[in-house]
Amino acid sequence: MKMFRNYDGNKSSFGDISVNATVANPDNVSAFAGVRTSDSAITVIVINKQLNASATVALTLANSPNCGAAQAWQLTSGNNITRLGDLSFNGNILSNTVPAQSVTLFVLPTPPRLRVGTLSSGNTFDFWVDGQANQHYVVQWATDLFNWTSILTNTPASNSWQVSLPATNRPQTFYRAKWVP
């Protein structure tokens, strides 16, 4: 139960919106997926039911980021949850080998999104970038949605960070955040 409700000791949970997940032989290996509405993270649980054999899984990721670093957590037959190293993936397939009698949770990065802040009396505009902790992001601006200029990069320690910029006198300015491998 802890893999679904508190796998990291910070009350992080499995996704609350079900996503289709299929595997070749569900008698040996099962998979379940969900999207977590609190941060849009995609979570996938892989259960290797085999008593003595490891299993290689190749997760095909549809409608998700096509590159990044997935966090991995594993519950083994020793009944301990271990944080594994991040798994890099490029394209829409995440591959990994899971040991016999194990439950492995993959947490996939969410595309960064911006949350509107305020225009302060000091003539600064602030907003929040929501993404994934310890991933590298760049904030860009444009006036025409075509010619983007990078203005700030950051590797936040949490899933959200505040950006404060001087207000401009341009009639319209657009901002975006991008994950940088």
C-alpha atoms as a PDB file:
ATOM      1  CA  MET A   1       0.000   0.000   0.000  1.00  0.00           C
ATOM      2  CA  LYS A   2       2.898   2.346   0.750  1.00  0.00           C
ATOM      3  CA  MET A   3       3.988   2.226  -2.932  1.00  0.00           C
ATOM      4  CA  PHE A   4       0.660   3.874  -3.819  1.00  0.00           C
ATOM      5  CA  ARG A   5       0.366   6.411  -0.995  1.00  0.00           C
ATOM      6  CA  ASN A   6       3.782   7.333   0.431  1.00  0.00           C
ATOM      7  CA  TYR A   7       6.579   5.697  -1.570  1.00  0.00           C
ATOM      8  CA  ASP A   8       9.077   8.511  -0.895  1.00  0.00           C
ATOM      9  CA  GLY A   9       8.209   9.388   2.706  1.00  0.00           C
ATOM     10  CA  ASN A  10       6.768  12.735   1.507  1.00  0.00           C
ATOM     11  CA  LYS A  11       3.218  11.437   0.955  1.00  0.00           C
ATOM     12  CA  SER A  12       3.700  11.280  -2.813  1.00  0.00           C
ATOM     13  CA  SER A  13       1.126   9.024  -4.400  1.00  0.00           C
ATOM     14  CA  PHE A  14       0.234   7.027  -7.461  1.00  0.00           C
ATOM     15  CA  GLY A  15      -1.840   8.795 -10.110  1.00  0.00           C
ATOM     16  CA  ASP A  16      -5.520   9.340  -9.415  1.00  0.00           C
ATOM     17  CA  ILE A  17      -6.645   9.259 -13.080  1.00  0.00           C
ATOM     18  CA  SER A  18      -6.338   5.822 -14.664  1.00  0.00           C
ATOM     19  CA  VAL A  19      -4.310   5.424 -17.855  1.00  0.00           C
ATOM     20  CA  ASN A  20      -4.306   2.302 -20.026  1.00  0.00           C
ATOM     21  CA  ALA A  21      -1.273   0.058 -19.491  1.00  0.00           C
ATOM     22  CA  THR A  22      -0.828  -3.323 -21.139  1.00  0.00           C
ATOM     23  CA  VAL A  23       1.917  -5.930 -21.005  1.00  0.00           C
ATOM     24  CA  ALA A  24       2.672  -8.967 -23.150  1.00  0.00           C
ATOM     25  CA  ASN A  25       2.180 -11.619 -20.449  1.00  0.00           C
ATOM     26  CA  PRO A  26       0.156 -10.361 -17.460  1.00  0.00           C
ATOM     27  CA  ASP A  27       0.488 -13.749 -15.737  1.00  0.00           C
ATOM     28  CA  ASN A  28       4.192 -12.956 -15.223  1.00  0.00           C
ATOM     29  CA  VAL A  29       4.319  -9.141 -15.212  1.00  0.00           C
ATOM     30  CA  SER A  30       1.501  -6.642 -14.633  1.00  0.00           C
ATOM     31  CA  ALA A  31       1.485  -2.890 -15.234  1.00  0.00           C
ATOM     32  CA  PHE A  32      -0.809  -0.108 -14.043  1.00  0.00           C
ATOM     33  CA  ALA A  33      -0.585   3.584 -14.937  1.00  0.00           C
ATOM     34  CA  GLY A  34      -2.138   6.828 -13.795  1.00  0.00           C
ATOM     35  CA  VAL A  35      -1.816  10.588 -13.985  1.00  0.00           C
ATOM     36  CA  ARG A  36      -1.451  12.448 -10.704  1.00  0.00           C
ATOM     37  CA  THR A  37      -3.681  15.545 -10.907  1.00  0.00           C
ATOM     38  CA  SER A  38      -1.708  17.444  -8.257  1.00  0.00           C
ATOM     39  CA  ASP A  39       1.301  17.829 -10.581  1.00  0.00           C
ATOM     40  CA  SER A  40       0.353  15.993 -13.832  1.00  0.00           C
ATOM     41  CA  ALA A  41       3.073  13.390 -13.262  1.00  0.00           C
ATOM     42  CA  ILE A  42       2.604  10.077 -15.032  1.00  0.00           C
ATOM     43  CA  THR A  43       3.045   7.130 -12.673  1.00  0.00           C
ATOM     44  CA  VAL A  44       3.511   3.513 -13.749  1.00  0.00           C
ATOM     45  CA  ILE A  45       3.650   0.493 -11.431  1.00  0.00           C
ATOM     46  CA  VAL A  46       5.238  -2.694 -12.802  1.00  0.00           C
ATOM     47  CA  ILE A  47       4.767  -5.895 -10.798  1.00  0.00           C
ATOM     48  CA  ASN A  48       7.034  -8.836 -11.570  1.00  0.00           C
ATOM     49  CA  LYS A  49       5.181 -11.870 -10.198  1.00  0.00           C
ATOM     50  CA  GLN A  50       7.826 -14.398 -11.203  1.00  0.00           C
ATOM     51  CA  LEU A  51       9.493 -16.188  -8.295  1.00  0.00           C
ATOM     52  CA  ASN A  52      12.975 -16.561  -9.779  1.00  0.00           C
ATOM     53  CA  ALA A  53      13.211 -14.578 -13.010  1.00  0.00           C
ATOM     54  CA  SER A  54      13.845 -10.927 -13.681  1.00  0.00           C
ATOM     55  CA  ALA A  55      11.828  -9.279 -16.463  1.00  0.00           C
ATOM     56  CA  THR A  56      12.664  -6.634 -19.008  1.00  0.00           C
ATOM     57  CA  VAL A  57       9.892  -4.097 -19.499  1.00  0.00           C
ATOM     58  CA  ALA A  58       9.616  -1.591 -22.325  1.00  0.00           C
ATOM     59  CA  LEU A  59       7.000   1.029 -21.528  1.00  0.00           C
ATOM     60  CA  THR A  60       5.618   2.761 -24.604  1.00  0.00           C
ATOM     61  CA  LEU A  61       4.611   6.252 -23.597  1.00  0.00           C
ATOM     62  CA  ALA A  62       1.802   7.771 -25.637  1.00  0.00           C
ATOM     63  CA  ASN A  63       0.752  11.409 -25.139  1.00  0.00           C
ATOM     64  CA  SER A  64       3.588  12.086 -22.728  1.00  0.00           C
ATOM     65  CA  PRO A  65       6.951  13.848 -22.750  1.00  0.00           C
ATOM     66  CA  ASN A  66       9.222  12.199 -25.312  1.00  0.00           C
ATOM     67  CA  CYS A  67      12.399  12.533 -23.295  1.00  0.00           C
ATOM     68  CA  GLY A  68      13.470  13.089 -19.747  1.00  0.00           C
ATOM     69  CA  ALA A  69      14.475  11.318 -16.588  1.00  0.00           C
ATOM     70  CA  ALA A  70      12.005   9.026 -14.851  1.00  0.00           C
ATOM     71  CA  GLN A  71      12.300   8.532 -11.120  1.00  0.00           C
ATOM     72  CA  ALA A  72      12.232   4.900 -10.035  1.00  0.00           C
ATOM     73  CA  TRP A  73      11.229   3.341  -6.706  1.00  0.00           C
ATOM     74  CA  GLN A  74      11.292  -0.366  -5.981  1.00  0.00           C
ATOM     75  CA  LEU A  75       9.759  -2.711  -3.426  1.00  0.00           C
ATOM     76  CA  THR A  76      11.568  -6.062  -3.418  1.00  0.00           C
ATOM     77  CA  SER A  77      10.881  -9.394  -1.756  1.00  0.00           C
ATOM     78  CA  GLY A  78      12.770  -8.053   1.297  1.00  0.00           C
ATOM     79  CA  ASN A  79       9.810  -5.655   1.853  1.00  0.00           C
ATOM     80  CA  ASN A  80      11.916  -2.481   1.575  1.00  0.00           C
ATOM     81  CA  ILE A  81      11.242   0.483  -0.735  1.00  0.00           C
ATOM     82  CA  THR A  82      14.417   1.749  -2.373  1.00  0.00           C
ATOM     83  CA  ARG A  83      14.934   4.883  -4.456  1.00  0.00           C
ATOM     84  CA  LEU A  84      16.743   3.795  -7.604  1.00  0.00           C
ATOM     85  CA  GLY A  85      18.724   6.069  -9.892  1.00  0.00           C
ATOM     86  CA  ASP A  86      16.812   8.099 -12.456  1.00  0.00           C
ATOM     87  CA  LEU A  87      16.277   6.430 -15.827  1.00  0.00           C
ATOM     88  CA  SER A  88      16.878   8.569 -18.884  1.00  0.00           C
ATOM     89  CA  PHE A  89      14.638   8.036 -21.859  1.00  0.00           C
ATOM     90  CA  ASN A  90      14.504   9.562 -25.300  1.00  0.00           C
ATOM     91  CA  GLY A  91      11.676   8.931 -27.682  1.00  0.00           C
ATOM     92  CA  ASN A  92       8.549   7.337 -26.299  1.00  0.00           C
ATOM     93  CA  ILE A  93       9.969   4.127 -24.796  1.00  0.00           C
ATOM     94  CA  LEU A  94      11.266   3.651 -21.273  1.00  0.00           C
ATOM     95  CA  SER A  95      13.074   0.310 -20.783  1.00  0.00           C
ATOM     96  CA  ASN A  96      14.202  -1.319 -17.576  1.00  0.00           C
ATOM     97  CA  THR A  97      14.814  -4.723 -16.037  1.00  0.00           C
ATOM     98  CA  VAL A  98      12.910  -5.481 -12.848  1.00  0.00           C
ATOM     99  CA  PRO A  99      13.962  -8.222 -10.425  1.00  0.00           C
ATOM    100  CA  ALA A 100      11.894 -11.277  -9.501  1.00  0.00           C
ATOM    101  CA  GLN A 101       9.100 -10.670  -6.972  1.00  0.00           C
ATOM    102  CA  SER A 102       9.270  -6.895  -7.147  1.00  0.00           C
ATOM    103  CA  VAL A 103       7.042  -3.861  -7.498  1.00  0.00           C
ATOM    104  CA  THR A 104       8.640  -0.932  -9.355  1.00  0.00           C
ATOM    105  CA  LEU A 105       7.150   2.540  -9.578  1.00  0.00           C
ATOM    106  CA  PHE A 106       8.209   4.910 -12.361  1.00  0.00           C
ATOM    107  CA  VAL A 107       7.381   8.612 -12.076  1.00  0.00           C
ATOM    108  CA  LEU A 108       7.699  10.412 -15.407  1.00  0.00           C
ATOM    109  CA  PRO A 109       8.486  14.097 -15.694  1.00  0.00           C
ATOM    110  CA  THR A 110       5.752  16.541 -16.423  1.00  0.00           C
ATOM    111  CA  PRO A 111       6.150  19.175 -19.086  1.00  0.00           C
ATOM    112  CA  PRO A 112       6.759  22.478 -17.356  1.00  0.00           C
ATOM    113  CA  ARG A 113       3.808  24.804 -17.096  1.00  0.00           C
ATOM    114  CA  LEU A 114       3.482  28.394 -15.989  1.00  0.00           C
ATOM    115  CA  ARG A 115       1.149  29.704 -13.296  1.00  0.00           C
ATOM    116  CA  VAL A 116       0.308  33.386 -13.368  1.00  0.00           C
ATOM    117  CA  GLY A 117       1.538  35.538 -10.525  1.00  0.00           C
ATOM    118  CA  THR A 118       1.074  39.250 -10.026  1.00  0.00           C
ATOM    119  CA  LEU A 119       2.328  42.633 -11.192  1.00  0.00           C
ATOM    120  CA  SER A 120       3.815  44.182  -8.080  1.00  0.00           C
ATOM    121  CA  SER A 121       3.934  47.817  -7.065  1.00  0.00           C
ATOM    122  CA  GLY A 122       7.700  47.642  -7.707  1.00  0.00           C
ATOM    123  CA  ASN A 123       6.884  47.118 -11.399  1.00  0.00           C
ATOM    124  CA  THR A 124       7.914  43.475 -11.521  1.00  0.00           C
ATOM    125  CA  PHE A 125       5.883  40.633 -12.966  1.00  0.00           C
ATOM    126  CA  ASP A 126       6.094  37.271 -11.257  1.00  0.00           C
ATOM    127  CA  PHE A 127       4.903  33.792 -12.169  1.00  0.00           C
ATOM    128  CA  TRP A 128       5.572  30.205 -11.136  1.00  0.00           C
ATOM    129  CA  VAL A 129       7.176  27.428 -13.171  1.00  0.00           C
ATOM    130  CA  ASP A 130       5.792  24.006 -12.254  1.00  0.00           C
ATOM    131  CA  GLY A 131       7.887  21.040 -13.350  1.00  0.00           C
ATOM    132  CA  GLN A 132       9.998  18.345 -11.728  1.00  0.00           C
ATOM    133  CA  ALA A 133      12.629  18.853  -9.062  1.00  0.00           C
ATOM    134  CA  ASN A 134      16.270  18.539 -10.127  1.00  0.00           C
ATOM    135  CA  GLN A 135      15.517  18.863 -13.840  1.00  0.00           C
ATOM    136  CA  HIS A 136      17.019  21.657 -15.935  1.00  0.00           C
ATOM    137  CA  TYR A 137      14.607  24.294 -17.334  1.00  0.00           C
ATOM    138  CA  VAL A 138      14.919  27.431 -19.418  1.00  0.00           C
ATOM    139  CA  VAL A 139      12.419  30.315 -19.385  1.00  0.00           C
ATOM    140  CA  GLN A 140      11.953  32.145 -22.686  1.00  0.00           C
ATOM    141  CA  TRP A 141       9.997  35.154 -23.922  1.00  0.00           C
ATOM    142  CA  ALA A 142       8.687  36.333 -27.281  1.00  0.00           C
ATOM    143  CA  THR A 143       6.401  39.010 -28.674  1.00  0.00           C
ATOM    144  CA  ASP A 144       5.186  36.958 -31.644  1.00  0.00           C
ATOM    145  CA  LEU A 145       5.148  33.272 -30.495  1.00  0.00           C
ATOM    146  CA  PHE A 146       7.827  32.460 -33.111  1.00  0.00           C
ATOM    147  CA  ASN A 147      11.102  34.142 -32.112  1.00  0.00           C
ATOM    148  CA  TRP A 148      11.879  32.974 -28.580  1.00  0.00           C
ATOM    149  CA  THR A 149      14.701  34.382 -26.458  1.00  0.00           C
ATOM    150  CA  SER A 150      16.084  32.568 -23.404  1.00  0.00           C
ATOM    151  CA  ILE A 151      16.125  34.772 -20.313  1.00  0.00           C
ATOM    152  CA  LEU A 152      16.682  32.415 -17.395  1.00  0.00           C
ATOM    153  CA  THR A 153      17.762  28.850 -16.638  1.00  0.00           C
ATOM    154  CA  ASN A 154      17.313  26.952 -13.406  1.00  0.00           C
ATOM    155  CA  THR A 155      17.519  23.489 -11.880  1.00  0.00           C
ATOM    156  CA  PRO A 156      14.942  23.805  -9.089  1.00  0.00           C
ATOM    157  CA  ALA A 157      15.202  21.767  -5.907  1.00  0.00           C
ATOM    158  CA  SER A 158      11.392  21.508  -5.722  1.00  0.00           C
ATOM    159  CA  ASN A 159       8.594  20.948  -8.238  1.00  0.00           C
ATOM    160  CA  SER A 160       7.782  24.658  -8.415  1.00  0.00           C
ATOM    161  CA  TRP A 161       9.814  27.863  -8.468  1.00  0.00           C
ATOM    162  CA  GLN A 162       8.975  31.542  -8.644  1.00  0.00           C
ATOM    163  CA  VAL A 163      10.284  33.820 -11.398  1.00  0.00           C
ATOM    164  CA  SER A 164      10.277  37.623 -11.007  1.00  0.00           C
ATOM    165  CA  LEU A 165      10.958  39.775 -14.053  1.00  0.00           C
ATOM    166  CA  PRO A 166      10.855  43.499 -14.709  1.00  0.00           C
ATOM    167  CA  ALA A 167       7.567  44.563 -16.283  1.00  0.00           C
ATOM    168  CA  THR A 168       7.845  45.636 -19.921  1.00  0.00           C
ATOM    169  CA  ASN A 169       6.118  48.371 -21.843  1.00  0.00           C
ATOM    170  CA  ARG A 170       5.589  46.092 -24.854  1.00  0.00           C
ATOM    171  CA  PRO A 171       1.941  45.620 -25.840  1.00  0.00           C
ATOM    172  CA  GLN A 172       2.237  41.843 -25.453  1.00  0.00           C
ATOM    173  CA  THR A 173       4.893  39.490 -24.151  1.00  0.00           C
ATOM    174  CA  PHE A 174       4.615  35.713 -24.070  1.00  0.00           C
ATOM    175  CA  TYR A 175       6.550  33.427 -21.744  1.00  0.00           C
ATOM    176  CA  ARG A 176       7.224  29.710 -21.810  1.00  0.00           C
ATOM    177  CA  ALA A 177       9.376  27.191 -19.953  1.00  0.00           C
ATOM    178  CA  LYS A 178      11.150  24.269 -21.596  1.00  0.00           C
ATOM    179  CA  TRP A 179      12.851  21.218 -20.165  1.00  0.00           C
ATOM    180  CA  VAL A 180      16.508  21.122 -21.241  1.00  0.00           C
ATOM    181  CA  PRO A 181      18.217  17.691 -21.394  1.00  0.00           C
END
